[in-house]
PDB file of all heavy atoms in Angstrom:
ATOM      1  N   GLN A   1       0.827  -1.205   0.000  1.00  0.00           N
ATOM      2  CA  GLN A   1       0.000   0.000   0.000  1.00  0.00           C
ATOM      3  C   GLN A   1       0.867   1.262   0.000  1.00  0.00           C
ATOM      4  O   GLN A   1       0.540   2.251  -0.674  1.00  0.00           O
ATOM      5  CB  GLN A   1      -0.914  -0.011   1.228  1.00  0.00           C
ATOM      6  CG  GLN A   1      -1.960  -1.118   1.195  1.00  0.00           C
ATOM      7  CD  GLN A   1      -2.793  -1.159   2.464  1.00  0.00           C
ATOM      8  OE1 GLN A   1      -2.944  -0.159   3.150  1.00  0.00           O
ATOM      9  NE2 GLN A   1      -3.335  -2.320   2.784  1.00  0.00           N
ATOM     10  N   GLU A   2       1.972   1.229   0.751  1.00  0.00           N
ATOM     11  CA  GLU A   2       2.886   2.372   0.770  1.00  0.00           C
ATOM     12  C   GLU A   2       3.550   2.574  -0.593  1.00  0.00           C
ATOM     13  O   GLU A   2       3.728   3.709  -1.055  1.00  0.00           O
ATOM     14  CB  GLU A   2       3.960   2.147   1.846  1.00  0.00           C
ATOM     15  CG  GLU A   2       3.430   2.187   3.272  1.00  0.00           C
ATOM     16  CD  GLU A   2       2.793   3.520   3.602  1.00  0.00           C
ATOM     17  OE1 GLU A   2       3.467   4.563   3.430  1.00  0.00           O
ATOM     18  OE2 GLU A   2       1.616   3.538   4.008  1.00  0.00           O
ATOM     19  N   MET A   3       3.912   1.485  -1.241  1.00  0.00           N
ATOM     20  CA  MET A   3       4.510   1.565  -2.575  1.00  0.00           C
ATOM     21  C   MET A   3       3.512   2.158  -3.567  1.00  0.00           C
ATOM     22  O   MET A   3       3.872   2.981  -4.423  1.00  0.00           O
ATOM     23  CB  MET A   3       4.967   0.173  -3.021  1.00  0.00           C
ATOM     24  CG  MET A   3       6.114  -0.389  -2.189  1.00  0.00           C
ATOM     25  SD  MET A   3       6.371  -2.173  -2.412  1.00  0.00           S
ATOM     26  CE  MET A   3       7.019  -2.221  -4.075  1.00  0.00           C
ATOM     27  N   ASN A   4       2.275   1.746  -3.452  1.00  0.00           N
ATOM     28  CA  ASN A   4       1.248   2.268  -4.355  1.00  0.00           C
ATOM     29  C   ASN A   4       1.059   3.770  -4.144  1.00  0.00           C
ATOM     30  O   ASN A   4       0.856   4.521  -5.112  1.00  0.00           O
ATOM     31  CB  ASN A   4      -0.067   1.530  -4.096  1.00  0.00           C
ATOM     32  CG  ASN A   4      -1.147   1.896  -5.095  1.00  0.00           C
ATOM     33  OD1 ASN A   4      -1.003   1.694  -6.298  1.00  0.00           O
ATOM     34  ND2 ASN A   4      -2.236   2.456  -4.595  1.00  0.00           N
ATOM     35  N   ARG A   5       1.140   4.191  -2.884  1.00  0.00           N
ATOM     36  CA  ARG A   5       0.999   5.627  -2.593  1.00  0.00           C
ATOM     37  C   ARG A   5       2.124   6.431  -3.235  1.00  0.00           C
ATOM     38  O   ARG A   5       1.897   7.505  -3.805  1.00  0.00           O
ATOM     39  CB  ARG A   5       0.979   5.827  -1.077  1.00  0.00           C
ATOM     40  CG  ARG A   5       0.690   7.265  -0.657  1.00  0.00           C
ATOM     41  CD  ARG A   5       0.576   7.393   0.845  1.00  0.00           C
ATOM     42  NE  ARG A   5      -0.617   6.708   1.332  1.00  0.00           N
ATOM     43  CZ  ARG A   5      -0.605   5.579   2.035  1.00  0.00           C
ATOM     44  NH1 ARG A   5       0.544   5.004   2.335  1.00  0.00           N
ATOM     45  NH2 ARG A   5      -1.719   5.031   2.436  1.00  0.00           N
ATOM     46  N   GLU A   6       3.369   5.931  -3.161  1.00  0.00           N
ATOM     47  CA  GLU A   6       4.505   6.638  -3.754  1.00  0.00           C
ATOM     48  C   GLU A   6       4.384   6.707  -5.278  1.00  0.00           C
ATOM     49  O   GLU A   6       4.675   7.744  -5.897  1.00  0.00           O
ATOM     50  CB  GLU A   6       5.813   5.935  -3.375  1.00  0.00           C
ATOM     51  CG  GLU A   6       6.114   5.888  -1.883  1.00  0.00           C
ATOM     52  CD  GLU A   6       6.304   7.248  -1.271  1.00  0.00           C
ATOM     53  OE1 GLU A   6       6.486   8.232  -2.018  1.00  0.00           O
ATOM     54  OE2 GLU A   6       6.252   7.370  -0.032  1.00  0.00           O
ATOM     55  N   ILE A   7       3.934   5.610  -5.880  1.00  0.00           N
ATOM     56  CA  ILE A   7       3.790   5.577  -7.340  1.00  0.00           C
ATOM     57  C   ILE A   7       2.720   6.571  -7.793  1.00  0.00           C
ATOM     58  O   ILE A   7       2.899   7.282  -8.791  1.00  0.00           O
ATOM     59  CB  ILE A   7       3.447   4.147  -7.812  1.00  0.00           C
ATOM     60  CG1 ILE A   7       4.629   3.212  -7.541  1.00  0.00           C
ATOM     61  CG2 ILE A   7       3.115   4.132  -9.300  1.00  0.00           C
ATOM     62  CD1 ILE A   7       4.334   1.744  -7.796  1.00  0.00           C
ATOM     63  N   ASN A   8       1.625   6.627  -7.060  1.00  0.00           N
ATOM     64  CA  ASN A   8       0.573   7.583  -7.405  1.00  0.00           C
ATOM     65  C   ASN A   8       1.075   9.019  -7.294  1.00  0.00           C
ATOM     66  O   ASN A   8       0.733   9.878  -8.126  1.00  0.00           O
ATOM     67  CB  ASN A   8      -0.636   7.387  -6.490  1.00  0.00           C
ATOM     68  CG  ASN A   8      -1.434   6.147  -6.851  1.00  0.00           C
ATOM     69  OD1 ASN A   8      -1.405   5.690  -7.987  1.00  0.00           O
ATOM     70  ND2 ASN A   8      -2.140   5.585  -5.876  1.00  0.00           N
ATOM     71  N   THR A   9       1.879   9.287  -6.279  1.00  0.00           N
ATOM     72  CA  THR A   9       2.430  10.634  -6.116  1.00  0.00           C
ATOM     73  C   THR A   9       3.366  10.983  -7.261  1.00  0.00           C
ATOM     74  O   THR A   9       3.348  12.113  -7.773  1.00  0.00           O
ATOM     75  CB  THR A   9       3.192  10.737  -4.780  1.00  0.00           C
ATOM     76  OG1 THR A   9       2.309  10.393  -3.698  1.00  0.00           O
ATOM     77  CG2 THR A   9       3.720  12.148  -4.555  1.00  0.00           C
ATOM     78  N   ILE A  10       4.179  10.021  -7.670  1.00  0.00           N
ATOM     79  CA  ILE A  10       5.082  10.252  -8.805  1.00  0.00           C
ATOM     80  C   ILE A  10       4.286  10.595 -10.056  1.00  0.00           C
ATOM     81  O   ILE A  10       4.610  11.534 -10.793  1.00  0.00           O
ATOM     82  CB  ILE A  10       5.960   9.003  -9.053  1.00  0.00           C
ATOM     83  CG1 ILE A  10       6.946   8.817  -7.898  1.00  0.00           C
ATOM     84  CG2 ILE A  10       6.720   9.125 -10.376  1.00  0.00           C
ATOM     85  CD1 ILE A  10       7.704   7.498  -7.941  1.00  0.00           C
ATOM     86  N   GLY A  11       3.229   9.842 -10.304  1.00  0.00           N
ATOM     87  CA  GLY A  11       2.407  10.102 -11.476  1.00  0.00           C
ATOM     88  C   GLY A  11       1.727  11.451 -11.437  1.00  0.00           C
ATOM     89  O   GLY A  11       1.554  12.110 -12.470  1.00  0.00           O
ATOM     90  N   ALA A  12       1.335  11.876 -10.222  1.00  0.00           N
ATOM     91  CA  ALA A  12       0.644  13.151 -10.090  1.00  0.00           C
ATOM     92  C   ALA A  12       1.597  14.343 -10.212  1.00  0.00           C
ATOM     93  O   ALA A  12       1.239  15.386 -10.764  1.00  0.00           O
ATOM     94  CB  ALA A  12      -0.086  13.202  -8.751  1.00  0.00           C
ATOM     95  N   LYS A  13       2.825  14.197  -9.715  1.00  0.00           N
ATOM     96  CA  LYS A  13       3.776  15.319  -9.697  1.00  0.00           C
ATOM     97  C   LYS A  13       4.463  15.524 -11.042  1.00  0.00           C
ATOM     98  O   LYS A  13       4.692  16.658 -11.468  1.00  0.00           O
ATOM     99  CB  LYS A  13       4.839  15.094  -8.608  1.00  0.00           C
ATOM    100  CG  LYS A  13       4.303  15.238  -7.194  1.00  0.00           C
ATOM    101  CD  LYS A  13       5.375  14.975  -6.173  1.00  0.00           C
ATOM    102  CE  LYS A  13       6.439  16.059  -6.200  1.00  0.00           C
ATOM    103  NZ  LYS A  13       7.423  15.897  -5.110  1.00  0.00           N
ATOM    104  N   ALA A  14       4.843  14.432 -11.679  1.00  0.00           N
ATOM    105  CA  ALA A  14       5.633  14.536 -12.910  1.00  0.00           C
ATOM    106  C   ALA A  14       4.718  14.606 -14.123  1.00  0.00           C
ATOM    107  O   ALA A  14       4.206  13.591 -14.597  1.00  0.00           O
ATOM    108  CB  ALA A  14       6.582  13.344 -13.021  1.00  0.00           C
ATOM    109  N   ASN A  15       4.504  15.789 -14.619  1.00  0.00           N
ATOM    110  CA  ASN A  15       3.645  15.990 -15.785  1.00  0.00           C
ATOM    111  C   ASN A  15       4.461  15.737 -17.050  1.00  0.00           C
ATOM    112  O   ASN A  15       4.818  16.649 -17.784  1.00  0.00           O
ATOM    113  CB  ASN A  15       3.090  17.415 -15.767  1.00  0.00           C
ATOM    114  CG  ASN A  15       2.090  17.641 -16.887  1.00  0.00           C
ATOM    115  OD1 ASN A  15       1.537  16.683 -17.439  1.00  0.00           O
ATOM    116  ND2 ASN A  15       1.872  18.902 -17.232  1.00  0.00           N
ATOM    117  N   ASP A  16       4.734  14.435 -17.280  1.00  0.00           N
ATOM    118  CA  ASP A  16       5.598  14.065 -18.402  1.00  0.00           C
ATOM    119  C   ASP A  16       5.124  12.735 -18.966  1.00  0.00           C
ATOM    120  O   ASP A  16       4.828  11.790 -18.218  1.00  0.00           O
ATOM    121  CB  ASP A  16       7.047  13.957 -17.921  1.00  0.00           C
ATOM    122  CG  ASP A  16       8.009  13.593 -19.035  1.00  0.00           C
ATOM    123  OD1 ASP A  16       8.463  14.507 -19.755  1.00  0.00           O
ATOM    124  OD2 ASP A  16       8.296  12.386 -19.189  1.00  0.00           O
ATOM    125  N   PHE A  17       5.105  12.638 -20.289  1.00  0.00           N
ATOM    126  CA  PHE A  17       4.584  11.428 -20.939  1.00  0.00           C
ATOM    127  C   PHE A  17       5.433  10.200 -20.614  1.00  0.00           C
ATOM    128  O   PHE A  17       4.905   9.136 -20.257  1.00  0.00           O
ATOM    129  CB  PHE A  17       4.533  11.638 -22.452  1.00  0.00           C
ATOM    130  CG  PHE A  17       4.129  10.386 -23.208  1.00  0.00           C
ATOM    131  CD1 PHE A  17       2.804   9.988 -23.247  1.00  0.00           C
ATOM    132  CD2 PHE A  17       5.091   9.614 -23.859  1.00  0.00           C
ATOM    133  CE1 PHE A  17       2.440   8.829 -23.931  1.00  0.00           C
ATOM    134  CE2 PHE A  17       4.724   8.454 -24.531  1.00  0.00           C
ATOM    135  CZ  PHE A  17       3.395   8.065 -24.572  1.00  0.00           C
ATOM    136  N   ASP A  18       6.746  10.314 -20.749  1.00  0.00           N
ATOM    137  CA  ASP A  18       7.626   9.163 -20.515  1.00  0.00           C
ATOM    138  C   ASP A  18       7.536   8.676 -19.070  1.00  0.00           C
ATOM    139  O   ASP A  18       7.541   7.464 -18.812  1.00  0.00           O
ATOM    140  CB  ASP A  18       9.068   9.523 -20.863  1.00  0.00           C
ATOM    141  CG  ASP A  18       9.275   9.712 -22.362  1.00  0.00           C
ATOM    142  OD1 ASP A  18       8.564   9.025 -23.127  1.00  0.00           O
ATOM    143  OD2 ASP A  18      10.103  10.544 -22.762  1.00  0.00           O
ATOM    144  N   ILE A  19       7.473   9.619 -18.135  1.00  0.00           N
ATOM    145  CA  ILE A  19       7.330   9.212 -16.738  1.00  0.00           C
ATOM    146  C   ILE A  19       5.985   8.527 -16.526  1.00  0.00           C
ATOM    147  O   ILE A  19       5.885   7.536 -15.791  1.00  0.00           O
ATOM    148  CB  ILE A  19       7.485  10.430 -15.805  1.00  0.00           C
ATOM    149  CG1 ILE A  19       8.947  10.883 -15.791  1.00  0.00           C
ATOM    150  CG2 ILE A  19       7.025  10.083 -14.387  1.00  0.00           C
ATOM    151  CD1 ILE A  19       9.228  12.052 -14.879  1.00  0.00           C
ATOM    152  N   SER A  20       4.948   9.016 -17.174  1.00  0.00           N
ATOM    153  CA  SER A  20       3.627   8.386 -17.064  1.00  0.00           C
ATOM    154  C   SER A  20       3.656   6.947 -17.556  1.00  0.00           C
ATOM    155  O   SER A  20       3.001   6.068 -16.970  1.00  0.00           O
ATOM    156  CB  SER A  20       2.592   9.185 -17.856  1.00  0.00           C
ATOM    157  OG  SER A  20       2.457  10.491 -17.333  1.00  0.00           O
ATOM    158  N   VAL A  21       4.413   6.702 -18.621  1.00  0.00           N
ATOM    159  CA  VAL A  21       4.544   5.328 -19.140  1.00  0.00           C
ATOM    160  C   VAL A  21       5.194   4.435 -18.089  1.00  0.00           C
ATOM    161  O   VAL A  21       4.745   3.305 -17.835  1.00  0.00           O
ATOM    162  CB  VAL A  21       5.376   5.319 -20.446  1.00  0.00           C
ATOM    163  CG1 VAL A  21       5.696   3.875 -20.850  1.00  0.00           C
ATOM    164  CG2 VAL A  21       4.620   6.027 -21.554  1.00  0.00           C
ATOM    165  N   HIS A  22       6.260   4.933 -17.464  1.00  0.00           N
ATOM    166  CA  HIS A  22       6.936   4.161 -16.416  1.00  0.00           C
ATOM    167  C   HIS A  22       6.025   3.943 -15.210  1.00  0.00           C
ATOM    168  O   HIS A  22       6.055   2.874 -14.577  1.00  0.00           O
ATOM    169  CB  HIS A  22       8.211   4.877 -15.977  1.00  0.00           C
ATOM    170  CG  HIS A  22       9.316   4.801 -16.983  1.00  0.00           C
ATOM    171  ND1 HIS A  22       9.704   3.629 -17.576  1.00  0.00           N
ATOM    172  CD2 HIS A  22      10.139   5.757 -17.501  1.00  0.00           C
ATOM    173  CE1 HIS A  22      10.707   3.846 -18.413  1.00  0.00           C
ATOM    174  NE2 HIS A  22      10.988   5.142 -18.376  1.00  0.00           N
ATOM    175  N   VAL A  23       5.225   4.944 -14.883  1.00  0.00           N
ATOM    176  CA  VAL A  23       4.295   4.811 -13.764  1.00  0.00           C
ATOM    177  C   VAL A  23       3.284   3.703 -14.031  1.00  0.00           C
ATOM    178  O   VAL A  23       2.951   2.909 -13.138  1.00  0.00           O
ATOM    179  CB  VAL A  23       3.574   6.156 -13.497  1.00  0.00           C
ATOM    180  CG1 VAL A  23       2.364   5.947 -12.577  1.00  0.00           C
ATOM    181  CG2 VAL A  23       4.538   7.151 -12.871  1.00  0.00           C
ATOM    182  N   VAL A  24       2.790   3.639 -15.259  1.00  0.00           N
ATOM    183  CA  VAL A  24       1.851   2.568 -15.631  1.00  0.00           C
ATOM    184  C   VAL A  24       2.518   1.204 -15.470  1.00  0.00           C
ATOM    185  O   VAL A  24       1.901   0.245 -14.977  1.00  0.00           O
ATOM    186  CB  VAL A  24       1.351   2.767 -17.079  1.00  0.00           C
ATOM    187  CG1 VAL A  24       0.561   1.541 -17.540  1.00  0.00           C
ATOM    188  CG2 VAL A  24       0.493   4.018 -17.177  1.00  0.00           C
ATOM    189  N   GLU A  25       3.771   1.092 -15.870  1.00  0.00           N
ATOM    190  CA  GLU A  25       4.507  -0.167 -15.723  1.00  0.00           C
ATOM    191  C   GLU A  25       4.646  -0.548 -14.253  1.00  0.00           C
ATOM    192  O   GLU A  25       4.457  -1.712 -13.873  1.00  0.00           O
ATOM    193  CB  GLU A  25       5.882  -0.034 -16.377  1.00  0.00           C
ATOM    194  CG  GLU A  25       5.836   0.123 -17.892  1.00  0.00           C
ATOM    195  CD  GLU A  25       7.202   0.429 -18.481  1.00  0.00           C
ATOM    196  OE1 GLU A  25       8.158   0.615 -17.693  1.00  0.00           O
ATOM    197  OE2 GLU A  25       7.315   0.483 -19.719  1.00  0.00           O
ATOM    198  N   LEU A  26       4.979   0.440 -13.421  1.00  0.00           N
ATOM    199  CA  LEU A  26       5.130   0.182 -11.989  1.00  0.00           C
ATOM    200  C   LEU A  26       3.807  -0.261 -11.366  1.00  0.00           C
ATOM    201  O   LEU A  26       3.762  -1.217 -10.578  1.00  0.00           O
ATOM    202  CB  LEU A  26       5.638   1.439 -11.280  1.00  0.00           C
ATOM    203  CG  LEU A  26       7.097   1.822 -11.518  1.00  0.00           C
ATOM    204  CD1 LEU A  26       7.393   3.195 -10.926  1.00  0.00           C
ATOM    205  CD2 LEU A  26       8.045   0.788 -10.912  1.00  0.00           C
ATOM    206  N   LYS A  27       2.737   0.407 -11.722  1.00  0.00           N
ATOM    207  CA  LYS A  27       1.426   0.065 -11.162  1.00  0.00           C
ATOM    208  C   LYS A  27       0.974  -1.319 -11.625  1.00  0.00           C
ATOM    209  O   LYS A  27       0.333  -2.049 -10.865  1.00  0.00           O
ATOM    210  CB  LYS A  27       0.391   1.122 -11.560  1.00  0.00           C
ATOM    211  CG  LYS A  27       0.589   2.463 -10.875  1.00  0.00           C
ATOM    212  CD  LYS A  27      -0.459   3.471 -11.289  1.00  0.00           C
ATOM    213  CE  LYS A  27      -1.795   3.146 -10.672  1.00  0.00           C
ATOM    214  NZ  LYS A  27      -1.806   3.351  -9.213  1.00  0.00           N
ATOM    215  N   SER A  28       1.313  -1.668 -12.854  1.00  0.00           N
ATOM    216  CA  SER A  28       0.942  -2.981 -13.372  1.00  0.00           C
ATOM    217  C   SER A  28       1.639  -4.095 -12.580  1.00  0.00           C
ATOM    218  O   SER A  28       1.005  -5.079 -12.175  1.00  0.00           O
ATOM    219  CB  SER A  28       1.307  -3.079 -14.858  1.00  0.00           C
ATOM    220  OG  SER A  28       1.042  -4.383 -15.350  1.00  0.00           O
ATOM    221  N   GLU A  29       2.928  -3.941 -12.359  1.00  0.00           N
ATOM    222  CA  GLU A  29       3.670  -4.951 -11.595  1.00  0.00           C
ATOM    223  C   GLU A  29       3.210  -4.996 -10.144  1.00  0.00           C
ATOM    224  O   GLU A  29       3.086  -6.067  -9.551  1.00  0.00           O
ATOM    225  CB  GLU A  29       5.173  -4.667 -11.661  1.00  0.00           C
ATOM    226  CG  GLU A  29       5.787  -4.848 -13.037  1.00  0.00           C
ATOM    227  CD  GLU A  29       5.602  -6.258 -13.585  1.00  0.00           C
ATOM    228  OE1 GLU A  29       5.589  -7.219 -12.795  1.00  0.00           O
ATOM    229  OE2 GLU A  29       5.447  -6.393 -14.822  1.00  0.00           O
ATOM    230  N   LEU A  30       2.934  -3.828  -9.579  1.00  0.00           N
ATOM    231  CA  LEU A  30       2.519  -3.785  -8.183  1.00  0.00           C
ATOM    232  C   LEU A  30       1.154  -4.425  -7.991  1.00  0.00           C
ATOM    233  O   LEU A  30       0.900  -5.059  -6.958  1.00  0.00           O
ATOM    234  CB  LEU A  30       2.498  -2.339  -7.692  1.00  0.00           C
ATOM    235  CG  LEU A  30       2.273  -2.160  -6.185  1.00  0.00           C
ATOM    236  CD1 LEU A  30       3.407  -2.823  -5.400  1.00  0.00           C
ATOM    237  CD2 LEU A  30       2.183  -0.688  -5.817  1.00  0.00           C
ATOM    238  N   GLU A  31       0.277  -4.293  -8.956  1.00  0.00           N
ATOM    239  CA  GLU A  31      -1.032  -4.925  -8.864  1.00  0.00           C
ATOM    240  C   GLU A  31      -0.902  -6.448  -8.866  1.00  0.00           C
ATOM    241  O   GLU A  31      -1.601  -7.146  -8.114  1.00  0.00           O
ATOM    242  CB  GLU A  31      -1.917  -4.470 -10.028  1.00  0.00           C
ATOM    243  CG  GLU A  31      -3.284  -5.150 -10.098  1.00  0.00           C
ATOM    244  CD  GLU A  31      -4.133  -4.935  -8.859  1.00  0.00           C
ATOM    245  OE1 GLU A  31      -3.910  -3.948  -8.130  1.00  0.00           O
ATOM    246  OE2 GLU A  31      -5.033  -5.772  -8.613  1.00  0.00           O
ATOM    247  N   LYS A  32       0.009  -6.954  -9.683  1.00  0.00           N
ATOM    248  CA  LYS A  32       0.251  -8.409  -9.698  1.00  0.00           C
ATOM    249  C   LYS A  32       0.853  -8.861  -8.372  1.00  0.00           C
ATOM    250  O   LYS A  32       0.538  -9.943  -7.876  1.00  0.00           O
ATOM    251  CB  LYS A  32       1.174  -8.768 -10.860  1.00  0.00           C
ATOM    252  CG  LYS A  32       0.544  -8.498 -12.224  1.00  0.00           C
ATOM    253  CD  LYS A  32       1.558  -8.651 -13.345  1.00  0.00           C
ATOM    254  CE  LYS A  32       0.942  -8.271 -14.693  1.00  0.00           C
ATOM    255  NZ  LYS A  32       1.936  -8.296 -15.790  1.00  0.00           N
ATOM    256  N   ILE A  33       1.710  -8.023  -7.805  1.00  0.00           N
ATOM    257  CA  ILE A  33       2.288  -8.324  -6.498  1.00  0.00           C
ATOM    258  C   ILE A  33       1.191  -8.343  -5.431  1.00  0.00           C
ATOM    259  O   ILE A  33       1.153  -9.224  -4.565  1.00  0.00           O
ATOM    260  CB  ILE A  33       3.379  -7.292  -6.136  1.00  0.00           C
ATOM    261  CG1 ILE A  33       4.623  -7.527  -7.011  1.00  0.00           C
ATOM    262  CG2 ILE A  33       3.751  -7.372  -4.657  1.00  0.00           C
ATOM    263  CD1 ILE A  33       5.697  -6.470  -6.837  1.00  0.00           C
ATOM    264  N   ARG A  34       0.295  -7.356  -5.499  1.00  0.00           N
ATOM    265  CA  ARG A  34      -0.800  -7.293  -4.519  1.00  0.00           C
ATOM    266  C   ARG A  34      -1.637  -8.562  -4.546  1.00  0.00           C
ATOM    267  O   ARG A  34      -2.038  -9.087  -3.494  1.00  0.00           O
ATOM    268  CB  ARG A  34      -1.683  -6.074  -4.819  1.00  0.00           C
ATOM    269  CG  ARG A  34      -2.764  -5.835  -3.762  1.00  0.00           C
ATOM    270  CD  ARG A  34      -3.819  -4.867  -4.270  1.00  0.00           C
ATOM    271  NE  ARG A  34      -4.593  -5.447  -5.356  1.00  0.00           N
ATOM    272  CZ  ARG A  34      -5.595  -6.307  -5.181  1.00  0.00           C
ATOM    273  NH1 ARG A  34      -5.941  -6.677  -3.956  1.00  0.00           N
ATOM    274  NH2 ARG A  34      -6.237  -6.803  -6.212  1.00  0.00           N
ATOM    275  N   GLU A  35      -1.925  -9.066  -5.732  1.00  0.00           N
ATOM    276  CA  GLU A  35      -2.732 -10.281  -5.846  1.00  0.00           C
ATOM    277  C   GLU A  35      -2.004 -11.479  -5.248  1.00  0.00           C
ATOM    278  O   GLU A  35      -2.641 -12.328  -4.589  1.00  0.00           O
ATOM    279  CB  GLU A  35      -3.053 -10.552  -7.321  1.00  0.00           C
ATOM    280  CG  GLU A  35      -3.978  -9.504  -7.949  1.00  0.00           C
ATOM    281  CD  GLU A  35      -4.163  -9.734  -9.435  1.00  0.00           C
ATOM    282  OE1 GLU A  35      -3.536 -10.667  -9.992  1.00  0.00           O
ATOM    283  OE2 GLU A  35      -4.949  -8.994 -10.062  1.00  0.00           O
ATOM    284  N   GLN A  36      -0.705 -11.560  -5.463  1.00  0.00           N
ATOM    285  CA  GLN A  36       0.054 -12.693  -4.972  1.00  0.00           C
ATOM    286  C   GLN A  36       0.181 -12.707  -3.457  1.00  0.00           C
ATOM    287  O   GLN A  36       0.073 -13.773  -2.817  1.00  0.00           O
ATOM    288  CB  GLN A  36       1.451 -12.713  -5.600  1.00  0.00           C
ATOM    289  CG  GLN A  36       1.461 -12.990  -7.097  1.00  0.00           C
ATOM    290  CD  GLN A  36       1.161 -14.440  -7.416  1.00  0.00           C
ATOM    291  OE1 GLN A  36       0.226 -15.024  -6.888  1.00  0.00           O
ATOM    292  NE2 GLN A  36       1.936 -15.020  -8.300  1.00  0.00           N
ATOM    293  N   ILE A  37       0.414 -11.549  -2.862  1.00  0.00           N
ATOM    294  CA  ILE A  37       0.676 -11.529  -1.426  1.00  0.00           C
ATOM    295  C   ILE A  37      -0.579 -11.787  -0.603  1.00  0.00           C
ATOM    296  O   ILE A  37      -0.484 -12.025   0.612  1.00  0.00           O
ATOM    297  CB  ILE A  37       1.321 -10.195  -0.985  1.00  0.00           C
ATOM    298  CG1 ILE A  37       0.368  -9.020  -1.227  1.00  0.00           C
ATOM    299  CG2 ILE A  37       2.643  -9.986  -1.664  1.00  0.00           C
ATOM    300  CD1 ILE A  37       0.926  -7.693  -0.728  1.00  0.00           C
ATOM    301  N   GLN A  38      -1.763 -11.779  -1.234  1.00  0.00           N
ATOM    302  CA  GLN A  38      -2.975 -12.100  -0.493  1.00  0.00           C
ATOM    303  C   GLN A  38      -2.953 -13.539   0.002  1.00  0.00           C
ATOM    304  O   GLN A  38      -3.700 -13.906   0.913  1.00  0.00           O
ATOM    305  CB  GLN A  38      -4.225 -11.872  -1.364  1.00  0.00           C
ATOM    306  CG  GLN A  38      -4.378 -10.454  -1.884  1.00  0.00           C
ATOM    307  CD  GLN A  38      -4.286  -9.406  -0.806  1.00  0.00           C
ATOM    308  OE1 GLN A  38      -4.955  -9.501   0.223  1.00  0.00           O
ATOM    309  NE2 GLN A  38      -3.447  -8.413  -1.020  1.00  0.00           N
TER     310      GLN A  38
END
């Protein structure tokens, strides 16, 4: 949950297309991690 909060903040602060692409990648991997750790 803390990792997700940091990623969301990065996406909100950095108004940049390339960073947004990386943020999507991070959120995608983190969502898979969230499902596994349940």
